[in-house]
Amino acid sequence: MTMREQEYAMTMLLIMTTMNVFLGILMVAGFIPIEYGMALAFFGMCGMIWKCKVDLMGNVRLWENPKQYRDRMDTRILRGRFDKENDELS
């Protein structure tokens, strides 16, 4: 992760924290109901996390399906076997 990406992620965390503090003040002061404030904080944080993920990682999925996992593990196992056989032959 480059320094620029770390700065972006840290700035997003600071914005998220500031938003939550501001919403907390509004809820304690009674300007907005607790239920609305909590829902707004939750969806706001989810939106910020999603935006940060898209900006930093692009369209990369954070998980793989079982077929992709098996294919990846099979190629790793086979690659290891072929490397061992090539080392023994040389």
Protein backbone atom coordinates (compact mmCIF):
# COMPACT_ATOMS: atom_id res chain seq x y z
CA MET A 1 0.00 0.00 0.00
CA THR A 2 1.51 3.29 -1.02
CA MET A 3 1.69 6.29 1.22
CA ARG A 4 -1.02 8.05 -0.80
CA GLU A 5 -3.44 5.13 -0.28
CA GLN A 6 -2.68 5.10 3.44
CA GLU A 7 -3.39 8.84 3.63
CA TYR A 8 -6.68 8.32 1.80
CA ALA A 9 -7.74 5.50 4.15
CA MET A 10 -6.73 7.50 7.24
CA THR A 11 -8.61 10.55 6.00
CA MET A 12 -11.71 8.41 5.44
CA LEU A 13 -11.45 7.12 9.03
CA LEU A 14 -11.17 10.67 10.36
CA ILE A 15 -14.20 11.77 8.33
CA MET A 16 -16.15 8.76 9.59
CA THR A 17 -15.21 9.50 13.20
CA THR A 18 -16.12 13.18 12.85
CA MET A 19 -19.47 12.27 11.32
CA ASN A 20 -20.23 9.87 14.18
CA VAL A 21 -19.27 12.45 16.82
CA PHE A 22 -21.46 15.06 15.11
CA LEU A 23 -24.39 12.64 14.93
CA GLY A 24 -23.84 11.71 18.58
CA ILE A 25 -24.03 15.36 19.59
CA LEU A 26 -27.22 15.82 17.57
CA MET A 27 -28.79 12.75 19.18
CA VAL A 28 -27.82 13.73 22.73
CA ALA A 29 -29.04 17.28 22.17
CA GLY A 30 -32.35 15.89 20.96
CA PHE A 31 -32.32 17.40 17.46
CA ILE A 32 -32.77 13.98 15.87
CA PRO A 33 -34.20 10.79 17.38
CA ILE A 34 -31.74 8.11 18.48
CA GLU A 35 -33.14 5.57 16.01
CA TYR A 36 -32.66 7.89 13.03
CA GLY A 37 -29.20 8.93 14.18
CA MET A 38 -28.02 5.34 14.63
CA ALA A 39 -29.43 4.30 11.27
CA LEU A 40 -27.83 7.30 9.58
CA ALA A 41 -24.49 6.55 11.24
CA PHE A 42 -24.64 2.89 10.20
CA PHE A 43 -25.55 3.55 6.58
CA GLY A 44 -23.09 6.44 6.39
CA MET A 45 -20.26 4.24 7.60
CA CYS A 46 -21.23 1.45 5.20
CA GLY A 47 -21.24 3.95 2.34
CA MET A 48 -17.83 5.33 3.29
CA ILE A 49 -16.34 1.84 3.62
CA TRP A 50 -17.75 0.85 0.23
CA LYS A 51 -16.43 4.04 -1.42
CA CYS A 52 -12.99 3.57 0.12
CA LYS A 53 -12.90 -0.08 -0.99
CA VAL A 54 -13.89 0.83 -4.56
CA ASP A 55 -11.40 3.70 -4.75
CA LEU A 56 -8.49 1.70 -3.33
CA MET A 57 -9.14 -1.81 -4.70
CA GLY A 58 -11.27 -1.21 -7.76
CA ASN A 59 -13.60 -4.00 -8.81
CA VAL A 60 -11.73 -6.77 -6.94
CA ARG A 61 -13.92 -9.21 -5.01
CA LEU A 62 -12.98 -9.73 -1.39
CA TRP A 63 -13.76 -13.44 -1.55
CA GLU A 64 -13.58 -16.31 -4.02
CA ASN A 65 -16.05 -19.06 -4.73
CA PRO A 66 -15.17 -22.71 -3.95
CA LYS A 67 -14.27 -23.49 -7.58
CA GLN A 68 -11.76 -20.62 -7.72
CA TYR A 69 -10.26 -21.75 -4.41
CA ARG A 70 -9.86 -25.36 -5.61
CA ASP A 71 -8.31 -24.21 -8.89
CA ARG A 72 -5.87 -21.96 -7.06
CA MET A 73 -4.90 -24.68 -4.60
CA ASP A 74 -4.59 -27.31 -7.35
CA THR A 75 -2.26 -25.13 -9.40
CA ARG A 76 -0.20 -24.34 -6.29
CA ILE A 77 0.09 -28.05 -5.42
CA LEU A 78 0.91 -29.04 -8.99
CA ARG A 79 3.42 -26.22 -9.34
CA GLY A 80 5.15 -27.42 -6.18
CA ARG A 81 5.30 -31.01 -7.48
CA PHE A 82 6.69 -29.96 -10.84
CA ASP A 83 9.31 -27.76 -9.18
CA LYS A 84 10.42 -30.66 -6.97
CA GLU A 85 10.61 -33.03 -9.97
CA ASN A 86 12.63 -30.51 -11.99
CA ASP A 87 15.03 -30.01 -9.08
CA GLU A 88 15.55 -33.78 -8.77
CA LEU A 89 16.22 -34.14 -12.52
CA SER A 90 18.80 -31.35 -12.63
